[in-house]
Amino acid sequence: MRQQVLALASDKYCGFNQQHFTEKLADKEGINLSRSTVRRMLLTRGIKSPQKRRAPKHRSRRERYPQEGQLLQTDGSPHDWLEGRGPELCLIGAIDDATNYVPYAYFQERRIPKAIC
């Protein structure tokens, strides 16, 4: 069985990584071996996985816009701003991407839609 696995790894499934090769052995060839067993067989013959793992890419931040006014980011924050002393309000505000300047922010009464029955 070892010779058959090594022959398949060299010919028919050349270039497959160890996990994929193990799955193909089970599905197509009827050879049920664990991935670690297949890995040991391949490594003793000097057959390594075709592609090394890459380090995950670090999240990169986008560049800020160079001039004021090119991008305003808006958001709303519904909250009980008056702590039960009045209606629920939503603070709606915008911030300039280039300068972090807040050109406007205002409260709007939060209207809760009626439930549909």
PDB file of N, CA and C in Angstrom:
ATOM      1  N   MET A   1       0.828  -1.189   0.000  1.00  0.00           N
ATOM      2  CA  MET A   1       0.000   0.000   0.000  1.00  0.00           C
ATOM      3  C   MET A   1       0.874   1.254   0.000  1.00  0.00           C
ATOM      4  N   ARG A   2       1.970   1.213   0.747  1.00  0.00           N
ATOM      5  CA  ARG A   2       2.894   2.351   0.795  1.00  0.00           C
ATOM      6  C   ARG A   2       3.410   2.679  -0.608  1.00  0.00           C
ATOM      7  N   GLN A   3       3.805   1.652  -1.357  1.00  0.00           N
ATOM      8  CA  GLN A   3       4.325   1.872  -2.717  1.00  0.00           C
ATOM      9  C   GLN A   3       3.242   2.469  -3.610  1.00  0.00           C
ATOM     10  N   GLN A   4       2.012   2.006  -3.458  1.00  0.00           N
ATOM     11  CA  GLN A   4       0.910   2.518  -4.261  1.00  0.00           C
ATOM     12  C   GLN A   4       0.652   3.991  -3.942  1.00  0.00           C
ATOM     13  N   VAL A   5       0.663   4.347  -2.660  1.00  0.00           N
ATOM     14  CA  VAL A   5       0.444   5.737  -2.251  1.00  0.00           C
ATOM     15  C   VAL A   5       1.550   6.628  -2.795  1.00  0.00           C
ATOM     16  N   LEU A   6       2.792   6.182  -2.675  1.00  0.00           N
ATOM     17  CA  LEU A   6       3.904   6.990  -3.171  1.00  0.00           C
ATOM     18  C   LEU A   6       3.869   7.130  -4.687  1.00  0.00           C
ATOM     19  N   ALA A   7       3.461   6.080  -5.381  1.00  0.00           N
ATOM     20  CA  ALA A   7       3.352   6.154  -6.839  1.00  0.00           C
ATOM     21  C   ALA A   7       2.259   7.138  -7.249  1.00  0.00           C
ATOM     22  N   LEU A   8       1.122   7.094  -6.561  1.00  0.00           N
ATOM     23  CA  LEU A   8       0.040   8.029  -6.868  1.00  0.00           C
ATOM     24  C   LEU A   8       0.439   9.467  -6.563  1.00  0.00           C
ATOM     25  N   ALA A   9       1.200   9.673  -5.486  1.00  0.00           N
ATOM     26  CA  ALA A   9       1.644  11.018  -5.134  1.00  0.00           C
ATOM     27  C   ALA A   9       2.615  11.569  -6.170  1.00  0.00           C
ATOM     28  N   SER A  10       3.394  10.692  -6.793  1.00  0.00           N
ATOM     29  CA  SER A  10       4.376  11.139  -7.767  1.00  0.00           C
ATOM     30  C   SER A  10       3.773  11.356  -9.153  1.00  0.00           C
ATOM     31  N   ASP A  11       2.708  10.601  -9.483  1.00  0.00           N
ATOM     32  CA  ASP A  11       2.174  10.671 -10.844  1.00  0.00           C
ATOM     33  C   ASP A  11       0.819  11.367 -10.902  1.00  0.00           C
ATOM     34  N   LYS A  12      -0.202  10.623 -10.567  1.00  0.00           N
ATOM     35  CA  LYS A  12      -1.576  11.079 -10.766  1.00  0.00           C
ATOM     36  C   LYS A  12      -1.923  12.314  -9.931  1.00  0.00           C
ATOM     37  N   TYR A  13      -1.447  12.356  -8.700  1.00  0.00           N
ATOM     38  CA  TYR A  13      -1.791  13.459  -7.802  1.00  0.00           C
ATOM     39  C   TYR A  13      -0.590  14.360  -7.503  1.00  0.00           C
ATOM     40  N   CYS A  14       0.281  14.475  -8.452  1.00  0.00           N
ATOM     41  CA  CYS A  14       1.470  15.324  -8.290  1.00  0.00           C
ATOM     42  C   CYS A  14       1.033  16.779  -8.114  1.00  0.00           C
ATOM     43  N   GLY A  15       1.557  17.442  -7.113  1.00  0.00           N
ATOM     44  CA  GLY A  15       1.232  18.844  -6.870  1.00  0.00           C
ATOM     45  C   GLY A  15       0.101  19.053  -5.880  1.00  0.00           C
ATOM     46  N   PHE A  16      -0.556  17.978  -5.424  1.00  0.00           N
ATOM     47  CA  PHE A  16      -1.616  18.121  -4.438  1.00  0.00           C
ATOM     48  C   PHE A  16      -0.993  18.313  -3.061  1.00  0.00           C
ATOM     49  N   ASN A  17      -1.626  19.127  -2.231  1.00  0.00           N
ATOM     50  CA  ASN A  17      -1.121  19.226  -0.864  1.00  0.00           C
ATOM     51  C   ASN A  17      -1.538  17.969  -0.097  1.00  0.00           C
ATOM     52  N   GLN A  18      -0.992  17.793   1.084  1.00  0.00           N
ATOM     53  CA  GLN A  18      -1.170  16.532   1.814  1.00  0.00           C
ATOM     54  C   GLN A  18      -2.627  16.282   2.200  1.00  0.00           C
ATOM     55  N   GLN A  19      -3.345  17.309   2.609  1.00  0.00           N
ATOM     56  CA  GLN A  19      -4.747  17.141   2.989  1.00  0.00           C
ATOM     57  C   GLN A  19      -5.586  16.743   1.776  1.00  0.00           C
ATOM     58  N   HIS A  20      -5.412  17.451   0.676  1.00  0.00           N
ATOM     59  CA  HIS A  20      -6.174  17.166  -0.533  1.00  0.00           C
ATOM     60  C   HIS A  20      -5.826  15.782  -1.075  1.00  0.00           C
ATOM     61  N   PHE A  21      -4.577  15.433  -1.038  1.00  0.00           N
ATOM     62  CA  PHE A  21      -4.134  14.119  -1.502  1.00  0.00           C
ATOM     63  C   PHE A  21      -4.772  13.007  -0.669  1.00  0.00           C
ATOM     64  N   THR A  22      -4.826  13.197   0.648  1.00  0.00           N
ATOM     65  CA  THR A  22      -5.446  12.211   1.534  1.00  0.00           C
ATOM     66  C   THR A  22      -6.928  12.045   1.202  1.00  0.00           C
ATOM     67  N   GLU A  23      -7.609  13.164   0.934  1.00  0.00           N
ATOM     68  CA  GLU A  23      -9.027  13.100   0.578  1.00  0.00           C
ATOM     69  C   GLU A  23      -9.233  12.380  -0.750  1.00  0.00           C
ATOM     70  N   LYS A  24      -8.374  12.634  -1.728  1.00  0.00           N
ATOM     71  CA  LYS A  24      -8.484  11.964  -3.029  1.00  0.00           C
ATOM     72  C   LYS A  24      -8.199  10.474  -2.913  1.00  0.00           C
ATOM     73  N   LEU A  25      -7.249  10.109  -2.056  1.00  0.00           N
ATOM     74  CA  LEU A  25      -6.978   8.683  -1.829  1.00  0.00           C
ATOM     75  C   LEU A  25      -8.236   7.973  -1.324  1.00  0.00           C
ATOM     76  N   ALA A  26      -8.943   8.604  -0.397  1.00  0.00           N
ATOM     77  CA  ALA A  26     -10.146   7.994   0.173  1.00  0.00           C
ATOM     78  C   ALA A  26     -11.285   7.979  -0.842  1.00  0.00           C
ATOM     79  N   ASP A  27     -11.491   9.105  -1.544  1.00  0.00           N
ATOM     80  CA  ASP A  27     -12.629   9.217  -2.467  1.00  0.00           C
ATOM     81  C   ASP A  27     -12.453   8.402  -3.739  1.00  0.00           C
ATOM     82  N   LYS A  28     -11.336   8.572  -4.401  1.00  0.00           N
ATOM     83  CA  LYS A  28     -11.140   7.994  -5.740  1.00  0.00           C
ATOM     84  C   LYS A  28     -10.444   6.632  -5.732  1.00  0.00           C
ATOM     85  N   GLU A  29      -9.541   6.435  -4.772  1.00  0.00           N
ATOM     86  CA  GLU A  29      -8.722   5.221  -4.791  1.00  0.00           C
ATOM     87  C   GLU A  29      -9.152   4.185  -3.749  1.00  0.00           C
ATOM     88  N   GLY A  30     -10.012   4.585  -2.815  1.00  0.00           N
ATOM     89  CA  GLY A  30     -10.467   3.652  -1.787  1.00  0.00           C
ATOM     90  C   GLY A  30      -9.415   3.333  -0.742  1.00  0.00           C
ATOM     91  N   ILE A  31      -8.433   4.213  -0.586  1.00  0.00           N
ATOM     92  CA  ILE A  31      -7.377   4.009   0.409  1.00  0.00           C
ATOM     93  C   ILE A  31      -7.652   4.962   1.569  1.00  0.00           C
ATOM     94  N   ASN A  32      -8.079   4.441   2.688  1.00  0.00           N
ATOM     95  CA  ASN A  32      -8.424   5.266   3.845  1.00  0.00           C
ATOM     96  C   ASN A  32      -7.260   5.301   4.832  1.00  0.00           C
ATOM     97  N   LEU A  33      -6.552   6.400   4.803  1.00  0.00           N
ATOM     98  CA  LEU A  33      -5.430   6.626   5.721  1.00  0.00           C
ATOM     99  C   LEU A  33      -5.610   7.990   6.358  1.00  0.00           C
ATOM    100  N   SER A  34      -5.043   8.180   7.534  1.00  0.00           N
ATOM    101  CA  SER A  34      -5.110   9.500   8.154  1.00  0.00           C
ATOM    102  C   SER A  34      -4.130  10.436   7.447  1.00  0.00           C
ATOM    103  N   ARG A  35      -4.386  11.723   7.600  1.00  0.00           N
ATOM    104  CA  ARG A  35      -3.518  12.706   6.969  1.00  0.00           C
ATOM    105  C   ARG A  35      -2.098  12.612   7.503  1.00  0.00           C
ATOM    106  N   SER A  36      -1.967  12.356   8.800  1.00  0.00           N
ATOM    107  CA  SER A  36      -0.626  12.275   9.387  1.00  0.00           C
ATOM    108  C   SER A  36       0.139  11.057   8.861  1.00  0.00           C
ATOM    109  N   THR A  37      -0.563   9.960   8.610  1.00  0.00           N
ATOM    110  CA  THR A  37       0.096   8.772   8.040  1.00  0.00           C
ATOM    111  C   THR A  37       0.583   9.066   6.627  1.00  0.00           C
ATOM    112  N   VAL A  38      -0.278   9.680   5.839  1.00  0.00           N
ATOM    113  CA  VAL A  38       0.105  10.041   4.464  1.00  0.00           C
ATOM    114  C   VAL A  38       1.267  11.022   4.500  1.00  0.00           C
ATOM    115  N   ARG A  39       1.218  11.965   5.410  1.00  0.00           N
ATOM    116  CA  ARG A  39       2.295  12.952   5.533  1.00  0.00           C
ATOM    117  C   ARG A  39       3.627  12.272   5.835  1.00  0.00           C
ATOM    118  N   ARG A  40       3.618  11.330   6.790  1.00  0.00           N
ATOM    119  CA  ARG A  40       4.853  10.604   7.133  1.00  0.00           C
ATOM    120  C   ARG A  40       5.389   9.825   5.941  1.00  0.00           C
ATOM    121  N   MET A  41       4.495   9.167   5.203  1.00  0.00           N
ATOM    122  CA  MET A  41       4.925   8.409   4.020  1.00  0.00           C
ATOM    123  C   MET A  41       5.598   9.319   2.996  1.00  0.00           C
ATOM    124  N   LEU A  42       4.977  10.467   2.767  1.00  0.00           N
ATOM    125  CA  LEU A  42       5.510  11.389   1.759  1.00  0.00           C
ATOM    126  C   LEU A  42       6.839  11.999   2.216  1.00  0.00           C
ATOM    127  N   LEU A  43       6.927  12.344   3.483  1.00  0.00           N
ATOM    128  CA  LEU A  43       8.159  12.971   3.975  1.00  0.00           C
ATOM    129  C   LEU A  43       9.338  11.988   3.987  1.00  0.00           C
ATOM    130  N   THR A  44       9.074  10.701   4.252  1.00  0.00           N
ATOM    131  CA  THR A  44      10.179   9.735   4.220  1.00  0.00           C
ATOM    132  C   THR A  44      10.735   9.585   2.803  1.00  0.00           C
ATOM    133  N   ARG A  45       9.896   9.811   1.801  1.00  0.00           N
ATOM    134  CA  ARG A  45      10.334   9.758   0.414  1.00  0.00           C
ATOM    135  C   ARG A  45      10.884  11.115  -0.054  1.00  0.00           C
ATOM    136  N   GLY A  46      10.733  12.143   0.764  1.00  0.00           N
ATOM    137  CA  GLY A  46      11.238  13.465   0.408  1.00  0.00           C
ATOM    138  C   GLY A  46      10.250  14.300  -0.394  1.00  0.00           C
ATOM    139  N   ILE A  47       8.973  13.912  -0.400  1.00  0.00           N
ATOM    140  CA  ILE A  47       7.945  14.674  -1.113  1.00  0.00           C
ATOM    141  C   ILE A  47       7.303  15.630  -0.114  1.00  0.00           C
ATOM    142  N   LYS A  48       7.533  16.918  -0.320  1.00  0.00           N
ATOM    143  CA  LYS A  48       6.986  17.926   0.581  1.00  0.00           C
ATOM    144  C   LYS A  48       5.706  18.503  -0.004  1.00  0.00           C
ATOM    145  N   SER A  49       4.954  19.177   0.833  1.00  0.00           N
ATOM    146  CA  SER A  49       3.741  19.855   0.373  1.00  0.00           C
ATOM    147  C   SER A  49       4.156  20.932  -0.625  1.00  0.00           C
ATOM    148  N   PRO A  50       3.419  21.090  -1.725  1.00  0.00           N
ATOM    149  CA  PRO A  50       3.863  21.986  -2.778  1.00  0.00           C
ATOM    150  C   PRO A  50       3.900  23.460  -2.400  1.00  0.00           C
ATOM    151  N   GLN A  51       3.094  23.859  -1.453  1.00  0.00           N
ATOM    152  CA  GLN A  51       3.053  25.279  -1.122  1.00  0.00           C
ATOM    153  C   GLN A  51       3.168  25.448   0.383  1.00  0.00           C
ATOM    154  N   LYS A  52       4.045  26.335   0.801  1.00  0.00           N
ATOM    155  CA  LYS A  52       4.200  26.595   2.220  1.00  0.00           C
ATOM    156  C   LYS A  52       3.092  27.528   2.684  1.00  0.00           C
ATOM    157  N   ARG A  53       2.762  27.426   3.949  1.00  0.00           N
ATOM    158  CA  ARG A  53       1.759  28.320   4.504  1.00  0.00           C
ATOM    159  C   ARG A  53       2.311  29.731   4.556  1.00  0.00           C
ATOM    160  N   ARG A  54       1.447  30.654   4.211  1.00  0.00           N
ATOM    161  CA  ARG A  54       1.822  32.057   4.293  1.00  0.00           C
ATOM    162  C   ARG A  54       1.300  32.636   5.597  1.00  0.00           C
ATOM    163  N   ALA A  55       2.004  33.589   6.117  1.00  0.00           N
ATOM    164  CA  ALA A  55       1.528  34.279   7.305  1.00  0.00           C
ATOM    165  C   ALA A  55       0.288  35.073   6.922  1.00  0.00           C
ATOM    166  N   PRO A  56      -0.697  35.143   7.801  1.00  0.00           N
ATOM    167  CA  PRO A  56      -1.904  35.912   7.458  1.00  0.00           C
ATOM    168  C   PRO A  56      -1.568  37.383   7.255  1.00  0.00           C
ATOM    169  N   LYS A  57      -2.243  37.980   6.294  1.00  0.00           N
ATOM    170  CA  LYS A  57      -2.001  39.401   6.027  1.00  0.00           C
ATOM    171  C   LYS A  57      -2.569  40.237   7.163  1.00  0.00           C
ATOM    172  N   HIS A  58      -1.791  41.200   7.571  1.00  0.00           N
ATOM    173  CA  HIS A  58      -2.241  42.109   8.619  1.00  0.00           C
ATOM    174  C   HIS A  58      -3.218  43.099   8.002  1.00  0.00           C
ATOM    175  N   ARG A  59      -4.253  43.408   8.755  1.00  0.00           N
ATOM    176  CA  ARG A  59      -5.244  44.369   8.266  1.00  0.00           C
ATOM    177  C   ARG A  59      -4.565  45.715   8.067  1.00  0.00           C
ATOM    178  N   SER A  60      -4.695  46.239   6.888  1.00  0.00           N
ATOM    179  CA  SER A  60      -4.073  47.540   6.625  1.00  0.00           C
ATOM    180  C   SER A  60      -5.155  48.615   6.579  1.00  0.00           C
ATOM    181  N   ARG A  61      -4.840  49.733   7.139  1.00  0.00           N
ATOM    182  CA  ARG A  61      -5.790  50.846   7.142  1.00  0.00           C
ATOM    183  C   ARG A  61      -5.710  51.580   5.818  1.00  0.00           C
ATOM    184  N   ARG A  62      -6.852  52.090   5.402  1.00  0.00           N
ATOM    185  CA  ARG A  62      -6.850  52.854   4.158  1.00  0.00           C
ATOM    186  C   ARG A  62      -6.284  54.249   4.416  1.00  0.00           C
ATOM    187  N   GLU A  63      -5.785  54.850   3.383  1.00  0.00           N
ATOM    188  CA  GLU A  63      -5.262  56.214   3.487  1.00  0.00           C
ATOM    189  C   GLU A  63      -6.419  57.191   3.663  1.00  0.00           C
ATOM    190  N   ARG A  64      -6.217  58.197   4.482  1.00  0.00           N
ATOM    191  CA  ARG A  64      -7.239  59.232   4.641  1.00  0.00           C
ATOM    192  C   ARG A  64      -7.275  60.101   3.385  1.00  0.00           C
ATOM    193  N   TYR A  65      -8.426  60.678   3.132  1.00  0.00           N
ATOM    194  CA  TYR A  65      -8.535  61.593   1.993  1.00  0.00           C
ATOM    195  C   TYR A  65      -7.670  62.819   2.253  1.00  0.00           C
ATOM    196  N   PRO A  66      -7.040  63.362   1.220  1.00  0.00           N
ATOM    197  CA  PRO A  66      -6.068  64.436   1.434  1.00  0.00           C
ATOM    198  C   PRO A  66      -6.678  65.806   1.727  1.00  0.00           C
ATOM    199  N   GLN A  67      -7.922  66.065   1.302  1.00  0.00           N
ATOM    200  CA  GLN A  67      -8.484  67.398   1.474  1.00  0.00           C
ATOM    201  C   GLN A  67      -9.779  67.350   2.268  1.00  0.00           C
ATOM    202  N   GLU A  68      -9.992  68.413   3.017  1.00  0.00           N
ATOM    203  CA  GLU A  68     -11.215  68.540   3.788  1.00  0.00           C
ATOM    204  C   GLU A  68     -12.428  68.568   2.857  1.00  0.00           C
ATOM    205  N   GLY A  69     -13.475  67.873   3.241  1.00  0.00           N
ATOM    206  CA  GLY A  69     -14.709  67.897   2.467  1.00  0.00           C
ATOM    207  C   GLY A  69     -14.834  66.811   1.412  1.00  0.00           C
ATOM    208  N   GLN A  70     -13.795  66.061   1.164  1.00  0.00           N
ATOM    209  CA  GLN A  70     -13.881  65.015   0.150  1.00  0.00           C
ATOM    210  C   GLN A  70     -14.684  63.813   0.630  1.00  0.00           C
ATOM    211  N   LEU A  71     -14.643  63.532   1.930  1.00  0.00           N
ATOM    212  CA  LEU A  71     -15.407  62.409   2.469  1.00  0.00           C
ATOM    213  C   LEU A  71     -15.918  62.761   3.852  1.00  0.00           C
ATOM    214  N   LEU A  72     -17.251  62.737   3.993  1.00  0.00           N
ATOM    215  CA  LEU A  72     -17.880  62.890   5.295  1.00  0.00           C
ATOM    216  C   LEU A  72     -18.480  61.545   5.673  1.00  0.00           C
ATOM    217  N   GLN A  73     -18.139  61.070   6.834  1.00  0.00           N
ATOM    218  CA  GLN A  73     -18.687  59.809   7.317  1.00  0.00           C
ATOM    219  C   GLN A  73     -19.795  60.133   8.314  1.00  0.00           C
ATOM    220  N   THR A  74     -20.965  59.531   8.098  1.00  0.00           N
ATOM    221  CA  THR A  74     -22.102  59.801   8.975  1.00  0.00           C
ATOM    222  C   THR A  74     -22.485  58.528   9.714  1.00  0.00           C
ATOM    223  N   ASP A  75     -23.089  58.735  10.889  1.00  0.00           N
ATOM    224  CA  ASP A  75     -23.552  57.606  11.681  1.00  0.00           C
ATOM    225  C   ASP A  75     -24.624  58.099  12.635  1.00  0.00           C
ATOM    226  N   GLY A  76     -25.467  57.187  13.069  1.00  0.00           N
ATOM    227  CA  GLY A  76     -26.501  57.511  14.038  1.00  0.00           C
ATOM    228  C   GLY A  76     -26.369  56.633  15.262  1.00  0.00           C
ATOM    229  N   SER A  77     -26.701  57.198  16.420  1.00  0.00           N
ATOM    230  CA  SER A  77     -26.587  56.460  17.669  1.00  0.00           C
ATOM    231  C   SER A  77     -27.901  56.574  18.444  1.00  0.00           C
ATOM    232  N   PRO A  78     -28.814  55.587  18.262  1.00  0.00           N
ATOM    233  CA  PRO A  78     -30.062  55.638  19.024  1.00  0.00           C
ATOM    234  C   PRO A  78     -29.803  55.271  20.486  1.00  0.00           C
ATOM    235  N   HIS A  79     -30.317  56.099  21.374  1.00  0.00           N
ATOM    236  CA  HIS A  79     -30.020  55.901  22.787  1.00  0.00           C
ATOM    237  C   HIS A  79     -31.029  56.701  23.604  1.00  0.00           C
ATOM    238  N   ASP A  80     -31.220  56.334  24.838  1.00  0.00           N
ATOM    239  CA  ASP A  80     -32.069  57.110  25.740  1.00  0.00           C
ATOM    240  C   ASP A  80     -31.234  58.249  26.300  1.00  0.00           C
ATOM    241  N   TRP A  81     -30.977  59.241  25.467  1.00  0.00           N
ATOM    242  CA  TRP A  81     -30.069  60.332  25.816  1.00  0.00           C
ATOM    243  C   TRP A  81     -30.586  61.166  26.989  1.00  0.00           C
ATOM    244  N   LEU A  82     -31.914  61.247  27.158  1.00  0.00           N
ATOM    245  CA  LEU A  82     -32.484  62.077  28.224  1.00  0.00           C
ATOM    246  C   LEU A  82     -32.786  61.270  29.480  1.00  0.00           C
ATOM    247  N   GLU A  83     -32.324  60.035  29.526  1.00  0.00           N
ATOM    248  CA  GLU A  83     -32.446  59.162  30.688  1.00  0.00           C
ATOM    249  C   GLU A  83     -33.878  59.080  31.209  1.00  0.00           C
ATOM    250  N   GLY A  84     -34.810  58.842  30.303  1.00  0.00           N
ATOM    251  CA  GLY A  84     -36.212  58.659  30.687  1.00  0.00           C
ATOM    252  C   GLY A  84     -36.985  59.940  30.892  1.00  0.00           C
ATOM    253  N   ARG A  85     -36.380  61.093  30.753  1.00  0.00           N
ATOM    254  CA  ARG A  85     -37.055  62.367  30.989  1.00  0.00           C
ATOM    255  C   ARG A  85     -37.665  62.940  29.722  1.00  0.00           C
ATOM    256  N   GLY A  86     -37.630  62.191  28.651  1.00  0.00           N
ATOM    257  CA  GLY A  86     -38.183  62.687  27.395  1.00  0.00           C
ATOM    258  C   GLY A  86     -38.181  61.578  26.365  1.00  0.00           C
ATOM    259  N   PRO A  87     -38.395  61.933  25.115  1.00  0.00           N
ATOM    260  CA  PRO A  87     -38.463  60.905  24.069  1.00  0.00           C
ATOM    261  C   PRO A  87     -37.081  60.301  23.791  1.00  0.00           C
ATOM    262  N   GLU A  88     -37.104  59.114  23.204  1.00  0.00           N
ATOM    263  CA  GLU A  88     -35.837  58.519  22.791  1.00  0.00           C
ATOM    264  C   GLU A  88     -35.321  59.294  21.589  1.00  0.00           C
ATOM    265  N   LEU A  89     -34.048  59.586  21.620  1.00  0.00           N
ATOM    266  CA  LEU A  89     -33.434  60.378  20.554  1.00  0.00           C
ATOM    267  C   LEU A  89     -32.335  59.585  19.865  1.00  0.00           C
ATOM    268  N   CYS A  90     -32.061  59.994  18.660  1.00  0.00           N
ATOM    269  CA  CYS A  90     -30.949  59.419  17.899  1.00  0.00           C
ATOM    270  C   CYS A  90     -29.988  60.553  17.573  1.00  0.00           C
ATOM    271  N   LEU A  91     -28.749  60.428  18.003  1.00  0.00           N
ATOM    272  CA  LEU A  91     -27.745  61.434  17.678  1.00  0.00           C
ATOM    273  C   LEU A  91     -27.183  61.097  16.303  1.00  0.00           C
ATOM    274  N   ILE A  92     -27.364  62.017  15.371  1.00  0.00           N
ATOM    275  CA  ILE A  92     -26.873  61.826  14.010  1.00  0.00           C
ATOM    276  C   ILE A  92     -25.709  62.796  13.830  1.00  0.00           C
ATOM    277  N   GLY A  93     -24.581  62.268  13.408  1.00  0.00           N
ATOM    278  CA  GLY A  93     -23.416  63.128  13.258  1.00  0.00           C
ATOM    279  C   GLY A  93     -22.583  62.750  12.061  1.00  0.00           C
ATOM    280  N   ALA A  94     -21.730  63.675  11.681  1.00  0.00           N
ATOM    281  CA  ALA A  94     -20.813  63.452  10.560  1.00  0.00           C
ATOM    282  C   ALA A  94     -19.427  63.906  10.988  1.00  0.00           C
ATOM    283  N   ILE A  95     -18.430  63.260  10.407  1.00  0.00           N
ATOM    284  CA  ILE A  95     -17.044  63.628  10.695  1.00  0.00           C
ATOM    285  C   ILE A  95     -16.289  63.685   9.376  1.00  0.00           C
ATOM    286  N   ASP A  96     -15.448  64.685   9.246  1.00  0.00           N
ATOM    287  CA  ASP A  96     -14.638  64.817   8.042  1.00  0.00           C
ATOM    288  C   ASP A  96     -13.463  63.850   8.122  1.00  0.00           C
ATOM    289  N   ASP A  97     -13.247  63.111   7.054  1.00  0.00           N
ATOM    290  CA  ASP A  97     -12.209  62.087   7.058  1.00  0.00           C
ATOM    291  C   ASP A  97     -10.809  62.682   7.139  1.00  0.00           C
ATOM    292  N   ALA A  98     -10.581  63.795   6.487  1.00  0.00           N
ATOM    293  CA  ALA A  98      -9.228  64.356   6.420  1.00  0.00           C
ATOM    294  C   ALA A  98      -8.811  65.050   7.710  1.00  0.00           C
ATOM    295  N   THR A  99      -9.759  65.731   8.361  1.00  0.00           N
ATOM    296  CA  THR A  99      -9.383  66.588   9.489  1.00  0.00           C
ATOM    297  C   THR A  99      -9.938  66.135  10.840  1.00  0.00           C
ATOM    298  N   ASN A 100     -10.829  65.159  10.863  1.00  0.00           N
ATOM    299  CA  ASN A 100     -11.537  64.738  12.067  1.00  0.00           C
ATOM    300  C   ASN A 100     -12.438  65.838  12.615  1.00  0.00           C
ATOM    301  N   TYR A 101     -12.765  66.820  11.818  1.00  0.00           N
ATOM    302  CA  TYR A 101     -13.660  67.901  12.214  1.00  0.00           C
ATOM    303  C   TYR A 101     -15.101  67.407  12.114  1.00  0.00           C
ATOM    304  N   VAL A 102     -15.930  67.747  13.100  1.00  0.00           N
ATOM    305  CA  VAL A 102     -17.340  67.364  13.092  1.00  0.00           C
ATOM    306  C   VAL A 102     -18.145  68.559  12.590  1.00  0.00           C
ATOM    307  N   PRO A 103     -18.551  68.568  11.328  1.00  0.00           N
ATOM    308  CA  PRO A 103     -19.283  69.715  10.792  1.00  0.00           C
ATOM    309  C   PRO A 103     -20.720  69.796  11.298  1.00  0.00           C
ATOM    310  N   TYR A 104     -21.315  68.662  11.633  1.00  0.00           N
ATOM    311  CA  TYR A 104     -22.650  68.725  12.215  1.00  0.00           C
ATOM    312  C   TYR A 104     -22.939  67.473  13.031  1.00  0.00           C
ATOM    313  N   ALA A 105     -23.810  67.696  13.999  1.00  0.00           N
ATOM    314  CA  ALA A 105     -24.352  66.616  14.802  1.00  0.00           C
ATOM    315  C   ALA A 105     -25.673  67.139  15.342  1.00  0.00           C
ATOM    316  N   TYR A 106     -26.715  66.335  15.278  1.00  0.00           N
ATOM    317  CA  TYR A 106     -28.006  66.773  15.785  1.00  0.00           C
ATOM    318  C   TYR A 106     -28.782  65.584  16.324  1.00  0.00           C
ATOM    319  N   PHE A 107     -29.749  65.917  17.193  1.00  0.00           N
ATOM    320  CA  PHE A 107     -30.630  64.900  17.744  1.00  0.00           C
ATOM    321  C   PHE A 107     -31.917  64.876  16.936  1.00  0.00           C
ATOM    322  N   GLN A 108     -32.402  63.679  16.668  1.00  0.00           N
ATOM    323  CA  GLN A 108     -33.694  63.522  16.015  1.00  0.00           C
ATOM    324  C   GLN A 108     -34.510  62.553  16.858  1.00  0.00           C
ATOM    325  N   GLU A 109     -35.784  62.876  17.003  1.00  0.00           N
ATOM    326  CA  GLU A 109     -36.637  61.986  17.775  1.00  0.00           C
ATOM    327  C   GLU A 109     -36.712  60.637  17.068  1.00  0.00           C
ATOM    328  N   ARG A 110     -36.560  59.613  17.855  1.00  0.00           N
ATOM    329  CA  ARG A 110     -36.558  58.262  17.295  1.00  0.00           C
ATOM    330  C   ARG A 110     -38.000  57.803  17.150  1.00  0.00           C
ATOM    331  N   ARG A 111     -38.396  57.553  15.916  1.00  0.00           N
ATOM    332  CA  ARG A 111     -39.754  57.086  15.658  1.00  0.00           C
ATOM    333  C   ARG A 111     -39.719  55.573  15.527  1.00  0.00           C
ATOM    334  N   ILE A 112     -40.448  54.916  16.373  1.00  0.00           N
ATOM    335  CA  ILE A 112     -40.489  53.456  16.347  1.00  0.00           C
ATOM    336  C   ILE A 112     -41.701  53.050  15.507  1.00  0.00           C
ATOM    337  N   PRO A 113     -41.479  52.287  14.429  1.00  0.00           N
ATOM    338  CA  PRO A 113     -42.610  51.918  13.577  1.00  0.00           C
ATOM    339  C   PRO A 113     -43.578  50.998  14.302  1.00  0.00           C
ATOM    340  N   LYS A 114     -44.859  51.130  13.928  1.00  0.00           N
ATOM    341  CA  LYS A 114     -45.877  50.277  14.533  1.00  0.00           C
ATOM    342  C   LYS A 114     -45.678  48.844  14.062  1.00  0.00           C
ATOM    343  N   ALA A 115     -45.974  47.916  14.951  1.00  0.00           N
ATOM    344  CA  ALA A 115     -45.824  46.499  14.622  1.00  0.00           C
ATOM    345  C   ALA A 115     -46.864  46.102  13.582  1.00  0.00           C
ATOM    346  N   ILE A 116     -46.431  45.302  12.648  1.00  0.00           N
ATOM    347  CA  ILE A 116     -47.341  44.802  11.619  1.00  0.00           C
ATOM    348  C   ILE A 116     -47.899  43.474  12.102  1.00  0.00           C
ATOM    349  N   CYS A 117     -49.209  43.372  12.155  1.00  0.00           N
ATOM    350  CA  CYS A 117     -49.859  42.157  12.651  1.00  0.00           C
ATOM    351  C   CYS A 117     -50.350  41.301  11.512  1.00  0.00           C
TER     352      CYS A 117
END
